[in-house]
């Protein structure tokens, strides 16, 4: 749960930037549209509309 006691998550300019950051950062997590998933990252959860 977010309690406001820590720094907020980093905000990146695009999903492509976020994918690059997640791929390069051990333990990083991000959220993107399912259509933009690439082989360099692992899917943890898919939420259907």
N, C-alpha and C. Protein backbone atom coordinates (compact mmCIF):
# COMPACT_ATOMS: atom_id res chain seq x y z
N UNK A 1 0.85 -1.18 0.00
CA UNK A 1 0.00 0.00 0.00
C UNK A 1 0.89 1.24 0.00
N UNK A 2 0.50 2.22 -0.77
CA UNK A 2 1.25 3.48 -0.79
C UNK A 2 0.83 4.32 0.41
N UNK A 3 1.81 4.70 1.22
CA UNK A 3 1.50 5.43 2.43
C UNK A 3 1.95 6.89 2.38
N UNK A 4 2.71 7.27 1.33
CA UNK A 4 3.20 8.63 1.24
C UNK A 4 4.47 8.86 2.03
N UNK A 5 5.05 7.80 2.58
CA UNK A 5 6.25 7.93 3.39
C UNK A 5 7.54 7.81 2.58
N UNK A 6 7.46 7.42 1.36
CA UNK A 6 8.63 7.25 0.50
C UNK A 6 8.47 8.11 -0.75
N UNK A 7 9.52 8.11 -1.57
CA UNK A 7 9.45 8.85 -2.83
C UNK A 7 8.46 8.18 -3.77
N UNK A 8 7.73 8.95 -4.58
CA UNK A 8 6.79 8.36 -5.53
C UNK A 8 7.55 7.61 -6.62
N UNK A 9 6.88 6.71 -7.32
CA UNK A 9 7.54 6.02 -8.43
C UNK A 9 8.01 7.01 -9.49
N UNK A 10 9.09 6.65 -10.17
CA UNK A 10 9.62 7.50 -11.23
C UNK A 10 8.64 7.54 -12.40
N UNK A 11 8.43 8.71 -12.94
CA UNK A 11 7.56 8.88 -14.10
C UNK A 11 8.43 9.08 -15.34
N UNK A 12 8.15 8.31 -16.38
CA UNK A 12 8.93 8.41 -17.61
C UNK A 12 8.06 8.94 -18.74
N UNK A 13 8.70 9.46 -19.78
CA UNK A 13 7.99 10.16 -20.85
C UNK A 13 7.16 9.25 -21.73
N UNK A 14 7.55 7.98 -21.88
CA UNK A 14 6.83 7.09 -22.79
C UNK A 14 6.92 5.65 -22.30
N UNK A 15 6.07 4.80 -22.86
CA UNK A 15 6.13 3.38 -22.53
C UNK A 15 7.45 2.79 -22.99
N UNK A 16 7.98 3.27 -24.10
CA UNK A 16 9.27 2.79 -24.59
C UNK A 16 10.38 3.09 -23.59
N UNK A 17 10.36 4.31 -23.01
CA UNK A 17 11.35 4.67 -21.98
C UNK A 17 11.20 3.78 -20.76
N UNK A 18 9.95 3.52 -20.37
CA UNK A 18 9.70 2.69 -19.20
C UNK A 18 10.18 1.25 -19.44
N UNK A 19 9.91 0.70 -20.63
CA UNK A 19 10.37 -0.64 -20.95
C UNK A 19 11.89 -0.74 -20.89
N UNK A 20 12.57 0.26 -21.42
CA UNK A 20 14.04 0.27 -21.38
C UNK A 20 14.53 0.30 -19.94
N UNK A 21 13.93 1.15 -19.11
CA UNK A 21 14.33 1.28 -17.70
C UNK A 21 14.09 -0.03 -16.95
N UNK A 22 12.94 -0.66 -17.16
CA UNK A 22 12.63 -1.92 -16.49
C UNK A 22 13.58 -3.02 -16.95
N UNK A 23 13.86 -3.08 -18.23
CA UNK A 23 14.77 -4.10 -18.77
C UNK A 23 16.18 -3.95 -18.21
N UNK A 24 16.59 -2.71 -17.92
CA UNK A 24 17.96 -2.44 -17.45
C UNK A 24 18.10 -2.44 -15.93
N UNK A 25 16.98 -2.45 -15.19
CA UNK A 25 17.03 -2.29 -13.74
C UNK A 25 16.52 -3.54 -13.04
N UNK A 26 17.41 -4.24 -12.35
CA UNK A 26 17.03 -5.44 -11.63
C UNK A 26 15.95 -5.14 -10.59
N UNK A 27 14.88 -5.92 -10.60
CA UNK A 27 13.80 -5.74 -9.62
C UNK A 27 12.79 -4.67 -9.97
N UNK A 28 12.98 -3.98 -11.09
CA UNK A 28 12.07 -2.91 -11.48
C UNK A 28 10.74 -3.48 -11.96
N UNK A 29 9.67 -2.71 -11.74
CA UNK A 29 8.32 -3.08 -12.17
C UNK A 29 7.70 -1.86 -12.84
N UNK A 30 6.94 -2.09 -13.90
CA UNK A 30 6.24 -1.00 -14.57
C UNK A 30 4.94 -1.52 -15.16
N UNK A 31 4.13 -0.63 -15.66
CA UNK A 31 2.87 -1.04 -16.28
C UNK A 31 2.76 -0.41 -17.66
N UNK A 32 2.33 -1.24 -18.62
CA UNK A 32 2.17 -0.79 -20.00
C UNK A 32 0.97 -1.50 -20.61
N UNK A 33 0.59 -1.06 -21.79
CA UNK A 33 -0.47 -1.74 -22.53
C UNK A 33 0.07 -3.09 -23.02
N UNK A 34 -0.79 -4.09 -23.02
CA UNK A 34 -0.40 -5.45 -23.39
C UNK A 34 0.21 -5.50 -24.79
N UNK A 35 -0.26 -4.68 -25.70
CA UNK A 35 0.24 -4.68 -27.07
C UNK A 35 1.69 -4.21 -27.18
N UNK A 36 2.23 -3.58 -26.14
CA UNK A 36 3.58 -3.03 -26.19
C UNK A 36 4.62 -3.88 -25.46
N UNK A 37 4.25 -5.07 -25.00
CA UNK A 37 5.19 -5.94 -24.30
C UNK A 37 6.27 -6.41 -25.26
N UNK A 38 7.51 -6.43 -24.78
CA UNK A 38 8.64 -6.91 -25.57
C UNK A 38 9.29 -8.09 -24.85
N UNK A 39 10.17 -8.82 -25.55
CA UNK A 39 10.76 -10.03 -24.99
C UNK A 39 11.76 -9.75 -23.87
N UNK A 40 12.20 -8.52 -23.68
CA UNK A 40 13.20 -8.18 -22.68
C UNK A 40 12.66 -8.06 -21.26
N UNK A 41 11.34 -8.14 -21.11
CA UNK A 41 10.72 -8.02 -19.78
C UNK A 41 9.78 -9.19 -19.54
N UNK A 42 9.48 -9.45 -18.28
CA UNK A 42 8.59 -10.55 -17.90
C UNK A 42 7.22 -9.99 -17.52
N UNK A 43 6.17 -10.63 -17.97
CA UNK A 43 4.80 -10.24 -17.60
C UNK A 43 4.47 -10.85 -16.25
N UNK A 44 4.06 -10.01 -15.30
CA UNK A 44 3.67 -10.49 -13.98
C UNK A 44 2.17 -10.64 -13.84
N UNK A 45 1.42 -9.76 -14.50
CA UNK A 45 -0.04 -9.76 -14.36
C UNK A 45 -0.64 -9.07 -15.57
N UNK A 46 -1.72 -9.65 -16.09
CA UNK A 46 -2.49 -9.01 -17.16
C UNK A 46 -3.88 -8.74 -16.61
N UNK A 47 -4.30 -7.49 -16.70
CA UNK A 47 -5.63 -7.09 -16.25
C UNK A 47 -6.47 -6.85 -17.49
N UNK A 48 -7.48 -7.64 -17.68
CA UNK A 48 -8.38 -7.48 -18.83
C UNK A 48 -9.42 -6.41 -18.54
N UNK A 49 -9.81 -5.68 -19.56
CA UNK A 49 -10.86 -4.66 -19.42
C UNK A 49 -12.20 -5.30 -19.26
